Amino acid sequence: LRVVAGGSVGGAGVTVGSGARLEGAGTITSAVRVRAGGTFAPGVSAHAAVPSTATLTATGGVTVASGATYLAQLNGSSAGSFSTLAFAGTLDVSGSTLAVIPGPAFNPAGGDKFVIAANTGGSAVVGTFDGLAEGATGTTVGGGWTFQVTYLADATGNLNAGNSIMLYNFAVVPEPATVLGVAAAGLGLAGLARRRRT
């Protein structure tokens, strides 16, 4: 199911079952429930080789169940260049899996902040992503970067100032060869020091 920019989905509710995916921009006024095995990709439009990004607005409440996936696409650090959910009702992510995908031409930097779920109401986010408690460190899909996650940012990216979900403090994961090289250099220096003492 794709919501197109400027479009709107209403009615009794939207349910995303196992193997299905809800993505796109626009507005959903009914409640959204993503069941285990389903994918919620707010603001992502994957019809191109590099998925485009925008904002999906949800006013009826969103539940991403345990075993479901919440996908965030990062094509840049400026507004509109990464996928965002703007929610006014409840957002429950308890036990769901966060999948963060940087675009092929984008390298997140340490000072970048990405509000992937901007709270336009007053309710706190319910629960946390699987394995990602407040302030915990996660890894992007493909393992290229680590990042921290907070559920207490405001919509403009300030920590401990609201009830939005933000990714921050990105760091490159060293290549295995680099890690081995540093370790080998350390062992060499240690051996040299021992020889000098004897």
C-alpha atoms as a PDB file:
ATOM      1  CA  LEU A   1       0.000   0.000   0.000  1.00  0.00           C
ATOM      2  CA  ARG A   2       1.468   3.346  -1.028  1.00  0.00           C
ATOM      3  CA  VAL A   3       0.175   6.741   0.033  1.00  0.00           C
ATOM      4  CA  VAL A   4       1.028   9.324  -2.617  1.00  0.00           C
ATOM      5  CA  ALA A   5       2.109  12.861  -1.769  1.00  0.00           C
ATOM      6  CA  GLY A   6      -0.952  14.996  -1.243  1.00  0.00           C
ATOM      7  CA  GLY A   7      -3.160  11.918  -0.940  1.00  0.00           C
ATOM      8  CA  SER A   8      -5.198  10.828   2.065  1.00  0.00           C
ATOM      9  CA  VAL A   9      -6.325   7.492   3.480  1.00  0.00           C
ATOM     10  CA  GLY A  10      -9.174   7.272   5.977  1.00  0.00           C
ATOM     11  CA  GLY A  11     -11.878   4.849   6.996  1.00  0.00           C
ATOM     12  CA  ALA A  12     -12.086   2.364   9.829  1.00  0.00           C
ATOM     13  CA  GLY A  13      -8.383   1.552   9.901  1.00  0.00           C
ATOM     14  CA  VAL A  14      -5.370   0.332   7.940  1.00  0.00           C
ATOM     15  CA  THR A  15      -3.847  -3.065   8.695  1.00  0.00           C
ATOM     16  CA  VAL A  16      -0.522  -4.150   7.202  1.00  0.00           C
ATOM     17  CA  GLY A  17      -0.157  -7.923   7.330  1.00  0.00           C
ATOM     18  CA  SER A  18       2.882 -10.191   7.127  1.00  0.00           C
ATOM     19  CA  GLY A  19       4.782  -9.680   3.864  1.00  0.00           C
ATOM     20  CA  ALA A  20       3.005  -6.390   3.121  1.00  0.00           C
ATOM     21  CA  ARG A  21       4.420  -2.868   3.248  1.00  0.00           C
ATOM     22  CA  LEU A  22       2.954   0.572   3.901  1.00  0.00           C
ATOM     23  CA  GLU A  23       5.016   3.452   2.509  1.00  0.00           C
ATOM     24  CA  GLY A  24       4.769   6.869   0.907  1.00  0.00           C
ATOM     25  CA  ALA A  25       3.843  10.447   1.727  1.00  0.00           C
ATOM     26  CA  GLY A  26       0.486  12.104   2.292  1.00  0.00           C
ATOM     27  CA  THR A  27      -1.913  11.709   5.217  1.00  0.00           C
ATOM     28  CA  ILE A  28      -3.547   8.768   6.986  1.00  0.00           C
ATOM     29  CA  THR A  29      -6.421   9.775   9.247  1.00  0.00           C
ATOM     30  CA  SER A  30      -7.405   6.301  10.421  1.00  0.00           C
ATOM     31  CA  ALA A  31      -5.555   4.037  12.838  1.00  0.00           C
ATOM     32  CA  VAL A  32      -2.624   2.073  11.425  1.00  0.00           C
ATOM     33  CA  ARG A  33      -1.581  -1.355  12.679  1.00  0.00           C
ATOM     34  CA  VAL A  34       1.450  -3.147  11.243  1.00  0.00           C
ATOM     35  CA  ARG A  35       1.451  -6.814  12.196  1.00  0.00           C
ATOM     36  CA  ALA A  36       4.448  -9.121  12.659  1.00  0.00           C
ATOM     37  CA  GLY A  37       6.168  -9.668   9.325  1.00  0.00           C
ATOM     38  CA  GLY A  38       4.868  -6.391   7.884  1.00  0.00           C
ATOM     39  CA  THR A  39       6.901  -3.281   7.069  1.00  0.00           C
ATOM     40  CA  PHE A  40       6.116   0.338   7.869  1.00  0.00           C
ATOM     41  CA  ALA A  41       8.169   2.773   5.759  1.00  0.00           C
ATOM     42  CA  PRO A  42       6.689   6.228   6.412  1.00  0.00           C
ATOM     43  CA  GLY A  43       7.901   8.837   3.954  1.00  0.00           C
ATOM     44  CA  VAL A  44       9.676   6.288   1.742  1.00  0.00           C
ATOM     45  CA  SER A  45       8.760   5.773  -1.913  1.00  0.00           C
ATOM     46  CA  ALA A  46      10.677   2.770  -3.228  1.00  0.00           C
ATOM     47  CA  HIS A  47       9.586   2.941  -6.877  1.00  0.00           C
ATOM     48  CA  ALA A  48      13.028   4.244  -7.948  1.00  0.00           C
ATOM     49  CA  ALA A  49      16.491   2.683  -7.758  1.00  0.00           C
ATOM     50  CA  VAL A  50      17.207   4.965  -4.785  1.00  0.00           C
ATOM     51  CA  PRO A  51      14.029   5.330  -2.707  1.00  0.00           C
ATOM     52  CA  SER A  52      12.840   8.926  -2.430  1.00  0.00           C
ATOM     53  CA  THR A  53      11.993  10.474   0.921  1.00  0.00           C
ATOM     54  CA  ALA A  54       9.293  12.772   2.267  1.00  0.00           C
ATOM     55  CA  THR A  55       6.891  12.932   5.226  1.00  0.00           C
ATOM     56  CA  LEU A  56       3.923  10.704   5.990  1.00  0.00           C
ATOM     57  CA  THR A  57       1.408  12.240   8.380  1.00  0.00           C
ATOM     58  CA  ALA A  58      -0.659   9.952  10.623  1.00  0.00           C
ATOM     59  CA  THR A  59      -3.361  11.390  12.865  1.00  0.00           C
ATOM     60  CA  GLY A  60      -5.207   8.258  13.963  1.00  0.00           C
ATOM     61  CA  GLY A  61      -2.501   6.420  15.871  1.00  0.00           C
ATOM     62  CA  VAL A  62       0.147   3.956  14.682  1.00  0.00           C
ATOM     63  CA  THR A  63       1.088   0.561  16.130  1.00  0.00           C
ATOM     64  CA  VAL A  64       4.112  -1.275  14.748  1.00  0.00           C
ATOM     65  CA  ALA A  65       3.899  -4.686  16.398  1.00  0.00           C
ATOM     66  CA  SER A  66       6.698  -6.864  17.683  1.00  0.00           C
ATOM     67  CA  GLY A  67       8.138  -8.735  14.716  1.00  0.00           C
ATOM     68  CA  ALA A  68       7.242  -5.948  12.290  1.00  0.00           C
ATOM     69  CA  THR A  69       9.813  -3.602  10.720  1.00  0.00           C
ATOM     70  CA  TYR A  70       9.987   0.190  10.905  1.00  0.00           C
ATOM     71  CA  LEU A  71      12.121   1.359   7.960  1.00  0.00           C
ATOM     72  CA  ALA A  72      13.931   4.699   7.795  1.00  0.00           C
ATOM     73  CA  GLN A  73      15.654   5.884   4.601  1.00  0.00           C
ATOM     74  CA  LEU A  74      18.469   8.448   4.895  1.00  0.00           C
ATOM     75  CA  ASN A  75      19.436  10.160   1.627  1.00  0.00           C
ATOM     76  CA  GLY A  76      20.760  13.321   3.298  1.00  0.00           C
ATOM     77  CA  SER A  77      20.677  15.272   6.534  1.00  0.00           C
ATOM     78  CA  SER A  78      18.435  18.174   5.501  1.00  0.00           C
ATOM     79  CA  ALA A  79      14.665  18.150   5.965  1.00  0.00           C
ATOM     80  CA  GLY A  80      12.981  16.198   3.193  1.00  0.00           C
ATOM     81  CA  SER A  81      16.084  14.171   2.377  1.00  0.00           C
ATOM     82  CA  PHE A  82      15.286  11.501   4.978  1.00  0.00           C
ATOM     83  CA  SER A  83      12.009   9.725   5.643  1.00  0.00           C
ATOM     84  CA  THR A  84       9.816  11.062   8.427  1.00  0.00           C
ATOM     85  CA  LEU A  85       6.579  10.166  10.171  1.00  0.00           C
ATOM     86  CA  ALA A  86       4.629  13.102  11.567  1.00  0.00           C
ATOM     87  CA  PHE A  87       2.208  11.681  14.143  1.00  0.00           C
ATOM     88  CA  ALA A  88      -0.420  13.362  16.274  1.00  0.00           C
ATOM     89  CA  GLY A  89      -1.887  10.303  17.976  1.00  0.00           C
ATOM     90  CA  THR A  90      -0.226   7.363  19.708  1.00  0.00           C
ATOM     91  CA  LEU A  91       2.892   5.760  18.256  1.00  0.00           C
ATOM     92  CA  ASP A  92       3.620   2.273  19.621  1.00  0.00           C
ATOM     93  CA  VAL A  93       6.841   0.640  18.423  1.00  0.00           C
ATOM     94  CA  SER A  94       7.144  -1.965  21.186  1.00  0.00           C
ATOM     95  CA  GLY A  95       9.458  -4.776  20.079  1.00  0.00           C
ATOM     96  CA  SER A  96       9.466  -3.842  16.407  1.00  0.00           C
ATOM     97  CA  THR A  97      12.687  -3.878  14.380  1.00  0.00           C
ATOM     98  CA  LEU A  98      14.258  -0.595  13.283  1.00  0.00           C
ATOM     99  CA  ALA A  99      15.924  -0.792   9.849  1.00  0.00           C
ATOM    100  CA  VAL A 100      17.992   2.291   8.963  1.00  0.00           C
ATOM    101  CA  ILE A 101      19.169   2.478   5.341  1.00  0.00           C
ATOM    102  CA  PRO A 102      21.574   5.223   4.190  1.00  0.00           C
ATOM    103  CA  GLY A 103      21.340   6.078   0.498  1.00  0.00           C
ATOM    104  CA  PRO A 104      24.284   5.014  -1.699  1.00  0.00           C
ATOM    105  CA  ALA A 105      25.491   8.616  -2.147  1.00  0.00           C
ATOM    106  CA  PHE A 106      25.141   9.662   1.494  1.00  0.00           C
ATOM    107  CA  ASN A 107      27.561   9.241   4.388  1.00  0.00           C
ATOM    108  CA  PRO A 108      26.019  10.228   7.745  1.00  0.00           C
ATOM    109  CA  ALA A 109      28.287  12.388   9.917  1.00  0.00           C
ATOM    110  CA  GLY A 110      28.644  12.491  13.677  1.00  0.00           C
ATOM    111  CA  GLY A 111      26.735  15.752  14.045  1.00  0.00           C
ATOM    112  CA  ASP A 112      23.787  14.733  11.867  1.00  0.00           C
ATOM    113  CA  LYS A 113      20.385  14.333  13.514  1.00  0.00           C
ATOM    114  CA  PHE A 114      17.419  12.580  11.930  1.00  0.00           C
ATOM    115  CA  VAL A 115      13.959  12.966  13.479  1.00  0.00           C
ATOM    116  CA  ILE A 116      12.371   9.913  11.882  1.00  0.00           C
ATOM    117  CA  ALA A 117       9.139  10.229  13.889  1.00  0.00           C
ATOM    118  CA  ALA A 118       8.099  13.779  14.750  1.00  0.00           C
ATOM    119  CA  ASN A 119       5.471  14.069  17.475  1.00  0.00           C
ATOM    120  CA  THR A 120       3.035  16.845  16.647  1.00  0.00           C
ATOM    121  CA  GLY A 121       0.801  15.958  19.606  1.00  0.00           C
ATOM    122  CA  GLY A 122       1.636  15.393  23.252  1.00  0.00           C
ATOM    123  CA  SER A 123       1.687  11.640  23.781  1.00  0.00           C
ATOM    124  CA  ALA A 124       4.965   9.874  24.556  1.00  0.00           C
ATOM    125  CA  VAL A 125       6.135   7.096  22.245  1.00  0.00           C
ATOM    126  CA  VAL A 126       4.965   3.729  23.570  1.00  0.00           C
ATOM    127  CA  GLY A 127       7.719   1.136  23.981  1.00  0.00           C
ATOM    128  CA  THR A 128      11.078   0.961  22.209  1.00  0.00           C
ATOM    129  CA  PHE A 129      12.454  -0.780  19.153  1.00  0.00           C
ATOM    130  CA  ASP A 130      13.758  -4.315  19.651  1.00  0.00           C
ATOM    131  CA  GLY A 131      17.149  -4.117  21.393  1.00  0.00           C
ATOM    132  CA  LEU A 132      17.190  -0.313  21.293  1.00  0.00           C
ATOM    133  CA  ALA A 133      16.359   1.193  24.664  1.00  0.00           C
ATOM    134  CA  GLU A 134      16.638   4.950  25.197  1.00  0.00           C
ATOM    135  CA  GLY A 135      20.129   6.077  24.162  1.00  0.00           C
ATOM    136  CA  ALA A 136      21.121   2.618  22.890  1.00  0.00           C
ATOM    137  CA  THR A 137      23.443   2.092  19.937  1.00  0.00           C
ATOM    138  CA  GLY A 138      22.206   0.482  16.726  1.00  0.00           C
ATOM    139  CA  THR A 139      23.760  -0.344  13.359  1.00  0.00           C
ATOM    140  CA  THR A 140      22.565   0.621   9.894  1.00  0.00           C
ATOM    141  CA  VAL A 141      21.500  -2.030   7.403  1.00  0.00           C
ATOM    142  CA  GLY A 142      24.713  -3.315   5.854  1.00  0.00           C
ATOM    143  CA  GLY A 143      26.742  -2.463   8.945  1.00  0.00           C
ATOM    144  CA  GLY A 144      28.384   0.729   7.678  1.00  0.00           C
ATOM    145  CA  TRP A 145      27.517   3.026  10.587  1.00  0.00           C
ATOM    146  CA  THR A 146      26.490   2.918  14.198  1.00  0.00           C
ATOM    147  CA  PHE A 147      24.069   5.424  15.697  1.00  0.00           C
ATOM    148  CA  GLN A 148      22.197   6.202  18.879  1.00  0.00           C
ATOM    149  CA  VAL A 149      18.437   6.437  19.215  1.00  0.00           C
ATOM    150  CA  THR A 150      16.312   8.588  21.493  1.00  0.00           C
ATOM    151  CA  TYR A 151      12.564   8.646  21.995  1.00  0.00           C
ATOM    152  CA  LEU A 152      12.721  11.951  23.881  1.00  0.00           C
ATOM    153  CA  ALA A 153      13.744  14.492  21.237  1.00  0.00           C
ATOM    154  CA  ASP A 154      11.616  17.356  20.061  1.00  0.00           C
ATOM    155  CA  ALA A 155      10.556  17.749  16.445  1.00  0.00           C
ATOM    156  CA  THR A 156      13.534  20.022  15.699  1.00  0.00           C
ATOM    157  CA  GLY A 157      16.200  17.632  17.005  1.00  0.00           C
ATOM    158  CA  ASN A 158      16.823  18.721  20.592  1.00  0.00           C
ATOM    159  CA  LEU A 159      17.551  15.935  23.090  1.00  0.00           C
ATOM    160  CA  ASN A 160      15.374  15.434  26.180  1.00  0.00           C
ATOM    161  CA  ALA A 161      12.929  18.052  24.970  1.00  0.00           C
ATOM    162  CA  GLY A 162       9.930  16.128  23.633  1.00  0.00           C
ATOM    163  CA  ASN A 163       8.480  12.805  22.506  1.00  0.00           C
ATOM    164  CA  SER A 164       9.908  12.322  19.012  1.00  0.00           C
ATOM    165  CA  ILE A 165      12.212   9.555  17.774  1.00  0.00           C
ATOM    166  CA  MET A 166      15.599  10.752  16.610  1.00  0.00           C
ATOM    167  CA  LEU A 167      18.768   9.059  15.342  1.00  0.00           C
ATOM    168  CA  TYR A 168      22.042  10.809  16.153  1.00  0.00           C
ATOM    169  CA  ASN A 169      25.758  10.390  16.915  1.00  0.00           C
ATOM    170  CA  PHE A 170      26.556   8.431  13.749  1.00  0.00           C
ATOM    171  CA  ALA A 171      29.996   6.831  13.472  1.00  0.00           C
ATOM    172  CA  VAL A 172      31.637   4.827  10.707  1.00  0.00           C
ATOM    173  CA  VAL A 173      32.217   1.153  11.485  1.00  0.00           C
ATOM    174  CA  PRO A 174      35.908   0.460  10.713  1.00  0.00           C
ATOM    175  CA  GLU A 175      36.645  -2.086   8.004  1.00  0.00           C
ATOM    176  CA  PRO A 176      37.963  -5.396   9.416  1.00  0.00           C
ATOM    177  CA  ALA A 177      41.332  -4.846   7.702  1.00  0.00           C
ATOM    178  CA  THR A 178      41.668  -1.472   9.423  1.00  0.00           C
ATOM    179  CA  VAL A 179      40.909  -2.974  12.818  1.00  0.00           C
ATOM    180  CA  LEU A 180      43.438  -5.761  12.246  1.00  0.00           C
ATOM    181  CA  GLY A 181      46.036  -3.259  11.081  1.00  0.00           C
ATOM    182  CA  VAL A 182      45.639  -1.136  14.197  1.00  0.00           C
ATOM    183  CA  ALA A 183      45.798  -4.239  16.394  1.00  0.00           C
ATOM    184  CA  ALA A 184      48.945  -5.467  14.620  1.00  0.00           C
ATOM    185  CA  ALA A 185      50.579  -2.065  14.990  1.00  0.00           C
ATOM    186  CA  GLY A 186      49.774  -2.112  18.689  1.00  0.00           C
ATOM    187  CA  LEU A 187      51.301  -5.547  19.096  1.00  0.00           C
ATOM    188  CA  GLY A 188      54.412  -4.417  17.225  1.00  0.00           C
ATOM    189  CA  LEU A 189      54.875  -1.414  19.488  1.00  0.00           C
ATOM    190  CA  ALA A 190      54.375  -3.574  22.544  1.00  0.00           C
ATOM    191  CA  GLY A 191      57.018  -6.034  21.304  1.00  0.00           C
ATOM    192  CA  LEU A 192      59.437  -3.191  20.606  1.00  0.00           C
ATOM    193  CA  ALA A 193      58.939  -1.839  24.102  1.00  0.00           C
ATOM    194  CA  ARG A 194      59.634  -5.262  25.623  1.00  0.00           C
ATOM    195  CA  ARG A 195      62.843  -5.614  23.573  1.00  0.00           C
ATOM    196  CA  ARG A 196      64.031  -2.210  24.723  1.00  0.00           C
ATOM    197  CA  ARG A 197      63.517  -3.152  28.369  1.00  0.00           C
ATOM    198  CA  THR A 198      65.528  -6.422  28.047  1.00  0.00           C
END
